[in-house]
Amino acid sequence: MEMQFFVRPGEELKWFDYWRQTRLRWHKALGLGDAKYRFHDHEKLAHYANAATDIEFEMPFGFKEVEGIHSRTNFDLSQHEKFSGKKIQYFDPELNESYTPYVIETSIGVDRMFLSVFCSCYEDQDLGNGDRRVVLHFPPALAPVKCAVLPLVKKDGLPEKAREIQHRLRFDFTCQVDEKDSIGKRYRRQDAIGTPYCITVDHQTLEDNTVTLRHRDSMEQERVSVDDLERILSEKVSLNTLLRKNL
């Protein structure tokens, strides 16, 4: 995925540094670990560039590039102009002159981002006493499934209540209902796909409209009101919230 950002000639290195820092903050905001990122500045530059750097991420097999940031001068547009025979210039009303814009390019590797997320989040966890679980510690904002609603048993009106809650949440969150097998096996199943929150519906739910909210990473559980679920989940799983907080 690429972006071409057009700037005035002579200001390209200022904007290069701006995008260099801004893109690193974006990567760190995802929550995969600040210490896993570093810059690799290019010593040998392409003939059209006057600055270039890579943002590298520490994979299990070493640091690898996940994004490149380049100051490409006016090479791109001047070549279009040359071979098209059409004038490609911008009139700058502040300077009262026309010029061929310089370009700052950022280029992020989608497949490499996918790999960095999985390398960071996958864990085959030893829980002691011979018990293990496979868990994907996705940052909640990146998790494909945000929550799962689990009726404790498949009777006594609990499945119906679970579907009522899922129907309420589904407009804002990707939310599953899982009724098959024991509650422990269902927790493990959701851990394996990286679901950050499980919502368990039990007989107390029918009495006071509260549920058990289980946190994937710590496996801790808390009792919360059904009426508070949307607010709690919005604070935890929203990509908008994550980026506003960190950028």
C-alpha atoms as a PDB file:
ATOM      1  CA  MET A   1       0.000   0.000   0.000  1.00  0.00           C
ATOM      2  CA  GLU A   2       1.531   3.270  -1.094  1.00  0.00           C
ATOM      3  CA  MET A   3       1.013   6.980  -0.559  1.00  0.00           C
ATOM      4  CA  GLN A   4       2.440   9.782  -2.670  1.00  0.00           C
ATOM      5  CA  PHE A   5       2.633  13.073  -0.726  1.00  0.00           C
ATOM      6  CA  PHE A   6       3.409  16.171  -2.810  1.00  0.00           C
ATOM      7  CA  VAL A   7       5.568  18.965  -1.348  1.00  0.00           C
ATOM      8  CA  ARG A   8       7.356  22.143  -2.367  1.00  0.00           C
ATOM      9  CA  PRO A   9      10.892  21.771  -3.726  1.00  0.00           C
ATOM     10  CA  GLY A  10      13.317  22.489  -0.920  1.00  0.00           C
ATOM     11  CA  GLU A  11      10.924  21.283   1.796  1.00  0.00           C
ATOM     12  CA  GLU A  12      11.118  17.613   0.975  1.00  0.00           C
ATOM     13  CA  LEU A  13      13.552  16.642   3.757  1.00  0.00           C
ATOM     14  CA  LYS A  14      11.390  18.342   6.388  1.00  0.00           C
ATOM     15  CA  TRP A  15       8.395  16.346   5.183  1.00  0.00           C
ATOM     16  CA  PHE A  16      10.471  13.188   4.858  1.00  0.00           C
ATOM     17  CA  ASP A  17      11.323  13.423   8.562  1.00  0.00           C
ATOM     18  CA  TYR A  18       7.670  14.182   9.393  1.00  0.00           C
ATOM     19  CA  TRP A  19       6.420  11.027   7.653  1.00  0.00           C
ATOM     20  CA  ARG A  20       9.301   8.979   9.029  1.00  0.00           C
ATOM     21  CA  GLN A  21       8.217   9.762  12.596  1.00  0.00           C
ATOM     22  CA  THR A  22       4.471   9.664  11.898  1.00  0.00           C
ATOM     23  CA  ARG A  23       4.603   6.226  10.310  1.00  0.00           C
ATOM     24  CA  LEU A  24       6.693   4.812  13.164  1.00  0.00           C
ATOM     25  CA  ARG A  25       4.124   6.119  15.680  1.00  0.00           C
ATOM     26  CA  TRP A  26       1.377   4.420  13.667  1.00  0.00           C
ATOM     27  CA  HIS A  27       3.165   1.074  13.809  1.00  0.00           C
ATOM     28  CA  LYS A  28       3.844   1.382  17.537  1.00  0.00           C
ATOM     29  CA  ALA A  29       0.209   2.336  18.183  1.00  0.00           C
ATOM     30  CA  LEU A  30      -0.872  -1.145  17.064  1.00  0.00           C
ATOM     31  CA  GLY A  31       0.477  -2.539  20.326  1.00  0.00           C
ATOM     32  CA  LEU A  32       2.905  -5.172  19.093  1.00  0.00           C
ATOM     33  CA  GLY A  33       5.805  -3.813  21.195  1.00  0.00           C
ATOM     34  CA  ASP A  34       7.721  -0.569  20.761  1.00  0.00           C
ATOM     35  CA  ALA A  35      11.110  -2.243  21.172  1.00  0.00           C
ATOM     36  CA  LYS A  36      10.466  -4.440  18.116  1.00  0.00           C
ATOM     37  CA  TYR A  37      10.778  -1.518  15.691  1.00  0.00           C
ATOM     38  CA  ARG A  38      13.810   0.299  14.356  1.00  0.00           C
ATOM     39  CA  PHE A  39      14.835   2.500  11.435  1.00  0.00           C
ATOM     40  CA  HIS A  40      17.277   1.371   8.779  1.00  0.00           C
ATOM     41  CA  ASP A  41      18.496   4.444   6.895  1.00  0.00           C
ATOM     42  CA  HIS A  42      19.745   3.820   3.359  1.00  0.00           C
ATOM     43  CA  GLU A  43      23.375   4.700   2.691  1.00  0.00           C
ATOM     44  CA  LYS A  44      23.167   3.952  -1.021  1.00  0.00           C
ATOM     45  CA  LEU A  45      20.276   5.839  -2.591  1.00  0.00           C
ATOM     46  CA  ALA A  46      18.454   5.332  -5.860  1.00  0.00           C
ATOM     47  CA  HIS A  47      19.445   7.933  -8.456  1.00  0.00           C
ATOM     48  CA  TYR A  48      16.131   9.775  -8.062  1.00  0.00           C
ATOM     49  CA  ALA A  49      16.091   9.860  -4.220  1.00  0.00           C
ATOM     50  CA  ASN A  50      17.750  12.182  -1.718  1.00  0.00           C
ATOM     51  CA  ALA A  51      16.643  10.319   1.438  1.00  0.00           C
ATOM     52  CA  ALA A  52      15.297   6.860   2.219  1.00  0.00           C
ATOM     53  CA  THR A  53      14.649   4.726   5.279  1.00  0.00           C
ATOM     54  CA  ASP A  54      12.960   1.452   6.182  1.00  0.00           C
ATOM     55  CA  ILE A  55      10.901   0.726   9.255  1.00  0.00           C
ATOM     56  CA  GLU A  56      11.975  -2.740  10.340  1.00  0.00           C
ATOM     57  CA  PHE A  57      10.192  -5.147  12.680  1.00  0.00           C
ATOM     58  CA  GLU A  58      11.845  -7.881  14.721  1.00  0.00           C
ATOM     59  CA  MET A  59      10.547 -11.190  13.381  1.00  0.00           C
ATOM     60  CA  PRO A  60      11.594 -14.527  14.943  1.00  0.00           C
ATOM     61  CA  PHE A  61      14.216 -14.709  12.180  1.00  0.00           C
ATOM     62  CA  GLY A  62      15.560 -11.151  12.614  1.00  0.00           C
ATOM     63  CA  PHE A  63      14.655  -7.571  11.735  1.00  0.00           C
ATOM     64  CA  LYS A  64      12.816  -7.268   8.416  1.00  0.00           C
ATOM     65  CA  GLU A  65      11.390  -4.301   6.534  1.00  0.00           C
ATOM     66  CA  VAL A  66       7.654  -3.635   6.935  1.00  0.00           C
ATOM     67  CA  GLU A  67       7.548  -0.151   5.412  1.00  0.00           C
ATOM     68  CA  GLY A  68       9.745   2.067   3.266  1.00  0.00           C
ATOM     69  CA  ILE A  69       9.748   5.881   3.261  1.00  0.00           C
ATOM     70  CA  HIS A  70      11.464   7.699   0.401  1.00  0.00           C
ATOM     71  CA  SER A  71      12.070  11.247  -0.737  1.00  0.00           C
ATOM     72  CA  ARG A  72      11.831  10.798  -4.521  1.00  0.00           C
ATOM     73  CA  THR A  73      12.499  14.475  -5.470  1.00  0.00           C
ATOM     74  CA  ASN A  74      10.559  15.468  -8.626  1.00  0.00           C
ATOM     75  CA  PHE A  75      11.561  12.362 -10.581  1.00  0.00           C
ATOM     76  CA  ASP A  76       8.091  10.800 -10.878  1.00  0.00           C
ATOM     77  CA  LEU A  77       6.213  13.817 -12.167  1.00  0.00           C
ATOM     78  CA  SER A  78       9.066  15.070 -14.342  1.00  0.00           C
ATOM     79  CA  GLN A  79       9.160  11.678 -16.082  1.00  0.00           C
ATOM     80  CA  HIS A  80       5.389  11.769 -16.633  1.00  0.00           C
ATOM     81  CA  GLU A  81       5.820  15.258 -18.044  1.00  0.00           C
ATOM     82  CA  LYS A  82       8.697  14.230 -20.288  1.00  0.00           C
ATOM     83  CA  PHE A  83       7.053  11.195 -21.872  1.00  0.00           C
ATOM     84  CA  SER A  84       3.478  12.480 -22.002  1.00  0.00           C
ATOM     85  CA  GLY A  85       4.442  15.822 -23.479  1.00  0.00           C
ATOM     86  CA  LYS A  86       2.027  17.447 -21.050  1.00  0.00           C
ATOM     87  CA  LYS A  87       2.951  20.105 -18.548  1.00  0.00           C
ATOM     88  CA  ILE A  88       2.568  18.759 -14.984  1.00  0.00           C
ATOM     89  CA  GLN A  89       3.122  21.641 -12.631  1.00  0.00           C
ATOM     90  CA  TYR A  90       1.379  23.202  -9.662  1.00  0.00           C
ATOM     91  CA  PHE A  91       0.811  26.939  -9.292  1.00  0.00           C
ATOM     92  CA  ASP A  92       1.501  27.866  -5.687  1.00  0.00           C
ATOM     93  CA  PRO A  93      -0.545  30.977  -4.808  1.00  0.00           C
ATOM     94  CA  GLU A  94       1.561  31.633  -1.706  1.00  0.00           C
ATOM     95  CA  LEU A  95       4.805  31.744  -3.695  1.00  0.00           C
ATOM     96  CA  ASN A  96       3.132  33.066  -6.868  1.00  0.00           C
ATOM     97  CA  GLU A  97       5.045  30.579  -8.995  1.00  0.00           C
ATOM     98  CA  SER A  98       4.653  27.201 -10.680  1.00  0.00           C
ATOM     99  CA  TYR A  99       6.796  24.152 -10.014  1.00  0.00           C
ATOM    100  CA  THR A 100       6.916  20.398 -10.416  1.00  0.00           C
ATOM    101  CA  PRO A 101       6.102  19.016  -6.945  1.00  0.00           C
ATOM    102  CA  TYR A 102       8.525  16.783  -5.087  1.00  0.00           C
ATOM    103  CA  VAL A 103       7.197  13.502  -3.734  1.00  0.00           C
ATOM    104  CA  ILE A 104       7.494  11.770  -0.369  1.00  0.00           C
ATOM    105  CA  GLU A 105       6.432   8.140  -0.742  1.00  0.00           C
ATOM    106  CA  THR A 106       5.463   5.734   2.010  1.00  0.00           C
ATOM    107  CA  SER A 107       5.042   2.076   1.060  1.00  0.00           C
ATOM    108  CA  ILE A 108       3.811  -0.516   3.561  1.00  0.00           C
ATOM    109  CA  GLY A 109       3.890  -4.268   2.947  1.00  0.00           C
ATOM    110  CA  VAL A 110       0.485  -5.791   3.744  1.00  0.00           C
ATOM    111  CA  ASP A 111       1.799  -9.362   3.756  1.00  0.00           C
ATOM    112  CA  ARG A 112       4.693  -8.360   6.021  1.00  0.00           C
ATOM    113  CA  MET A 113       2.284  -6.617   8.400  1.00  0.00           C
ATOM    114  CA  PHE A 114       0.201  -9.808   8.505  1.00  0.00           C
ATOM    115  CA  LEU A 115       3.326 -11.813   9.318  1.00  0.00           C
ATOM    116  CA  SER A 116       4.491  -9.381  12.011  1.00  0.00           C
ATOM    117  CA  VAL A 117       1.093  -9.507  13.723  1.00  0.00           C
ATOM    118  CA  PHE A 118       1.020 -13.302  13.813  1.00  0.00           C
ATOM    119  CA  CYS A 119       4.660 -13.599  14.875  1.00  0.00           C
ATOM    120  CA  SER A 120       3.957 -11.267  17.792  1.00  0.00           C
ATOM    121  CA  CYS A 121       0.622 -12.691  18.866  1.00  0.00           C
ATOM    122  CA  TYR A 122       0.853 -16.484  18.571  1.00  0.00           C
ATOM    123  CA  GLU A 123       1.616 -18.382  21.768  1.00  0.00           C
ATOM    124  CA  ASP A 124       1.450 -22.034  22.741  1.00  0.00           C
ATOM    125  CA  GLN A 125       0.991 -21.368  26.445  1.00  0.00           C
ATOM    126  CA  ASP A 126       1.821 -23.733  29.307  1.00  0.00           C
ATOM    127  CA  LEU A 127      -0.816 -23.262  32.026  1.00  0.00           C
ATOM    128  CA  GLY A 128       0.718 -25.821  34.397  1.00  0.00           C
ATOM    129  CA  ASN A 129      -0.480 -29.265  35.490  1.00  0.00           C
ATOM    130  CA  GLY A 130      -0.195 -30.488  31.917  1.00  0.00           C
ATOM    131  CA  ASP A 131      -2.726 -27.973  30.653  1.00  0.00           C
ATOM    132  CA  ARG A 132      -1.918 -25.896  27.558  1.00  0.00           C
ATOM    133  CA  ARG A 133      -3.692 -23.460  25.337  1.00  0.00           C
ATOM    134  CA  VAL A 134      -2.983 -21.937  21.944  1.00  0.00           C
ATOM    135  CA  VAL A 135      -3.801 -18.244  22.046  1.00  0.00           C
ATOM    136  CA  LEU A 136      -3.511 -15.367  19.622  1.00  0.00           C
ATOM    137  CA  HIS A 137      -2.815 -12.231  21.656  1.00  0.00           C
ATOM    138  CA  PHE A 138      -4.161  -9.890  19.003  1.00  0.00           C
ATOM    139  CA  PRO A 139      -4.418  -6.262  20.103  1.00  0.00           C
ATOM    140  CA  PRO A 140      -8.215  -6.058  20.534  1.00  0.00           C
ATOM    141  CA  ALA A 141      -8.511  -3.453  17.773  1.00  0.00           C
ATOM    142  CA  LEU A 142      -6.951  -5.929  15.296  1.00  0.00           C
ATOM    143  CA  ALA A 143      -8.865  -9.049  16.364  1.00  0.00           C
ATOM    144  CA  PRO A 144     -11.197 -10.295  13.590  1.00  0.00           C
ATOM    145  CA  VAL A 145     -13.793 -11.420  16.165  1.00  0.00           C
ATOM    146  CA  LYS A 146     -14.254  -8.913  18.984  1.00  0.00           C
ATOM    147  CA  CYS A 147     -16.406 -10.973  21.353  1.00  0.00           C
ATOM    148  CA  ALA A 148     -18.224 -14.271  21.737  1.00  0.00           C
ATOM    149  CA  VAL A 149     -21.439 -14.833  23.678  1.00  0.00           C
ATOM    150  CA  LEU A 150     -21.530 -18.222  25.397  1.00  0.00           C
ATOM    151  CA  PRO A 151     -24.623 -19.627  27.118  1.00  0.00           C
ATOM    152  CA  LEU A 152     -23.416 -21.714  30.065  1.00  0.00           C
ATOM    153  CA  VAL A 153     -25.799 -24.548  29.150  1.00  0.00           C
ATOM    154  CA  LYS A 154     -27.974 -25.172  26.137  1.00  0.00           C
ATOM    155  CA  LYS A 155     -31.293 -24.972  27.978  1.00  0.00           C
ATOM    156  CA  ASP A 156     -33.355 -22.967  30.481  1.00  0.00           C
ATOM    157  CA  GLY A 157     -33.597 -19.970  28.145  1.00  0.00           C
ATOM    158  CA  LEU A 158     -29.857 -19.257  28.200  1.00  0.00           C
ATOM    159  CA  PRO A 159     -29.314 -19.727  24.433  1.00  0.00           C
ATOM    160  CA  GLU A 160     -32.182 -17.354  23.735  1.00  0.00           C
ATOM    161  CA  LYS A 161     -30.696 -14.730  26.072  1.00  0.00           C
ATOM    162  CA  ALA A 162     -27.277 -15.188  24.461  1.00  0.00           C
ATOM    163  CA  ARG A 163     -28.722 -14.535  21.011  1.00  0.00           C
ATOM    164  CA  GLU A 164     -30.540 -11.498  22.311  1.00  0.00           C
ATOM    165  CA  ILE A 165     -27.211 -10.071  23.534  1.00  0.00           C
ATOM    166  CA  GLN A 166     -25.452 -11.000  20.308  1.00  0.00           C
ATOM    167  CA  HIS A 167     -28.200  -9.299  18.288  1.00  0.00           C
ATOM    168  CA  ARG A 168     -27.710  -6.173  20.374  1.00  0.00           C
ATOM    169  CA  LEU A 169     -23.924  -6.118  19.867  1.00  0.00           C
ATOM    170  CA  ARG A 170     -23.674  -7.246  16.246  1.00  0.00           C
ATOM    171  CA  PHE A 171     -24.283  -3.817  14.744  1.00  0.00           C
ATOM    172  CA  ASP A 172     -21.059  -2.472  16.297  1.00  0.00           C
ATOM    173  CA  PHE A 173     -18.883  -5.563  16.782  1.00  0.00           C
ATOM    174  CA  THR A 174     -18.111  -8.829  15.006  1.00  0.00           C
ATOM    175  CA  CYS A 175     -19.700 -11.124  17.575  1.00  0.00           C
ATOM    176  CA  GLN A 176     -20.207 -14.893  17.645  1.00  0.00           C
ATOM    177  CA  VAL A 177     -22.559 -17.140  19.608  1.00  0.00           C
ATOM    178  CA  ASP A 178     -21.000 -20.497  20.544  1.00  0.00           C
ATOM    179  CA  GLU A 179     -23.144 -23.171  22.182  1.00  0.00           C
ATOM    180  CA  LYS A 180     -21.245 -26.400  21.447  1.00  0.00           C
ATOM    181  CA  ASP A 181     -19.115 -28.304  24.021  1.00  0.00           C
ATOM    182  CA  SER A 182     -18.180 -27.369  27.581  1.00  0.00           C
ATOM    183  CA  ILE A 183     -17.579 -23.759  28.522  1.00  0.00           C
ATOM    184  CA  GLY A 184     -13.861 -24.486  28.983  1.00  0.00           C
ATOM    185  CA  LYS A 185     -13.510 -25.878  25.464  1.00  0.00           C
ATOM    186  CA  ARG A 186     -15.353 -22.883  24.089  1.00  0.00           C
ATOM    187  CA  TYR A 187     -12.997 -20.511  25.890  1.00  0.00           C
ATOM    188  CA  ARG A 188     -10.042 -22.338  24.357  1.00  0.00           C
ATOM    189  CA  ARG A 189     -11.635 -22.202  20.919  1.00  0.00           C
ATOM    190  CA  GLN A 190     -12.044 -18.444  21.157  1.00  0.00           C
ATOM    191  CA  ASP A 191      -8.492 -18.054  22.525  1.00  0.00           C
ATOM    192  CA  ALA A 192      -7.185 -19.878  19.452  1.00  0.00           C
ATOM    193  CA  ILE A 193      -8.768 -17.367  17.046  1.00  0.00           C
ATOM    194  CA  GLY A 194      -7.783 -14.372  19.172  1.00  0.00           C
ATOM    195  CA  THR A 195     -11.207 -13.253  20.432  1.00  0.00           C
ATOM    196  CA  PRO A 196     -10.360 -10.725  23.181  1.00  0.00           C
ATOM    197  CA  TYR A 197     -13.593 -11.062  25.199  1.00  0.00           C
ATOM    198  CA  CYS A 198     -16.010 -13.861  26.017  1.00  0.00           C
ATOM    199  CA  ILE A 199     -19.413 -13.065  27.488  1.00  0.00           C
ATOM    200  CA  THR A 200     -20.879 -15.938  29.497  1.00  0.00           C
ATOM    201  CA  VAL A 201     -24.629 -16.058  30.030  1.00  0.00           C
ATOM    202  CA  ASP A 202     -25.743 -18.083  33.078  1.00  0.00           C
ATOM    203  CA  HIS A 203     -28.823 -18.422  35.269  1.00  0.00           C
ATOM    204  CA  GLN A 204     -27.932 -15.286  37.218  1.00  0.00           C
ATOM    205  CA  THR A 205     -28.175 -13.365  33.950  1.00  0.00           C
ATOM    206  CA  LEU A 206     -31.881 -14.117  33.824  1.00  0.00           C
ATOM    207  CA  GLU A 207     -32.277 -12.737  37.346  1.00  0.00           C
ATOM    208  CA  ASP A 208     -30.268  -9.489  37.281  1.00  0.00           C
ATOM    209  CA  ASN A 209     -29.211  -8.951  33.630  1.00  0.00           C
ATOM    210  CA  THR A 210     -25.495  -9.369  34.362  1.00  0.00           C
ATOM    211  CA  VAL A 211     -22.948 -11.562  32.571  1.00  0.00           C
ATOM    212  CA  THR A 212     -19.412 -12.789  33.127  1.00  0.00           C
ATOM    213  CA  LEU A 213     -16.886 -10.958  30.961  1.00  0.00           C
ATOM    214  CA  ARG A 214     -13.732 -13.024  30.450  1.00  0.00           C
ATOM    215  CA  HIS A 215     -10.467 -11.410  29.323  1.00  0.00           C
ATOM    216  CA  ARG A 216      -8.501 -13.534  26.853  1.00  0.00           C
ATOM    217  CA  ASP A 217      -4.929 -12.700  27.902  1.00  0.00           C
ATOM    218  CA  SER A 218      -5.287 -12.799  31.687  1.00  0.00           C
ATOM    219  CA  MET A 219      -8.253 -15.221  31.725  1.00  0.00           C
ATOM    220  CA  GLU A 220      -9.667 -13.043  34.512  1.00  0.00           C
ATOM    221  CA  GLN A 221     -13.421 -12.742  34.816  1.00  0.00           C
ATOM    222  CA  GLU A 222     -15.635  -9.915  36.018  1.00  0.00           C
ATOM    223  CA  ARG A 223     -19.349  -9.494  36.467  1.00  0.00           C
ATOM    224  CA  VAL A 224     -20.822  -6.669  34.403  1.00  0.00           C
ATOM    225  CA  SER A 225     -24.255  -5.460  33.387  1.00  0.00           C
ATOM    226  CA  VAL A 226     -25.508  -6.297  29.921  1.00  0.00           C
ATOM    227  CA  ASP A 227     -26.331  -2.599  29.568  1.00  0.00           C
ATOM    228  CA  ASP A 228     -22.619  -1.754  29.973  1.00  0.00           C
ATOM    229  CA  LEU A 229     -21.264  -4.171  27.357  1.00  0.00           C
ATOM    230  CA  GLU A 230     -21.393  -1.787  24.413  1.00  0.00           C
ATOM    231  CA  ARG A 231     -19.508   0.907  26.315  1.00  0.00           C
ATOM    232  CA  ILE A 232     -16.879  -1.495  27.681  1.00  0.00           C
ATOM    233  CA  LEU A 233     -16.236  -3.116  24.319  1.00  0.00           C
ATOM    234  CA  SER A 234     -16.129   0.215  22.489  1.00  0.00           C
ATOM    235  CA  GLU A 235     -13.383   1.441  24.810  1.00  0.00           C
ATOM    236  CA  LYS A 236     -11.348  -1.743  24.371  1.00  0.00           C
ATOM    237  CA  VAL A 237     -11.678  -2.841  20.735  1.00  0.00           C
ATOM    238  CA  SER A 238     -12.099   0.334  18.675  1.00  0.00           C
ATOM    239  CA  LEU A 239      -9.325   1.070  16.197  1.00  0.00           C
ATOM    240  CA  ASN A 240     -10.385   4.725  16.226  1.00  0.00           C
ATOM    241  CA  THR A 241      -9.873   4.873  19.989  1.00  0.00           C
ATOM    242  CA  LEU A 242      -6.489   3.208  19.701  1.00  0.00           C
ATOM    243  CA  LEU A 243      -5.231   5.612  17.045  1.00  0.00           C
ATOM    244  CA  ARG A 244      -6.608   8.734  18.738  1.00  0.00           C
ATOM    245  CA  LYS A 245      -4.879   7.730  21.966  1.00  0.00           C
ATOM    246  CA  ASN A 246      -1.525   7.034  20.395  1.00  0.00           C
ATOM    247  CA  LEU A 247      -1.165   9.389  17.437  1.00  0.00           C
END
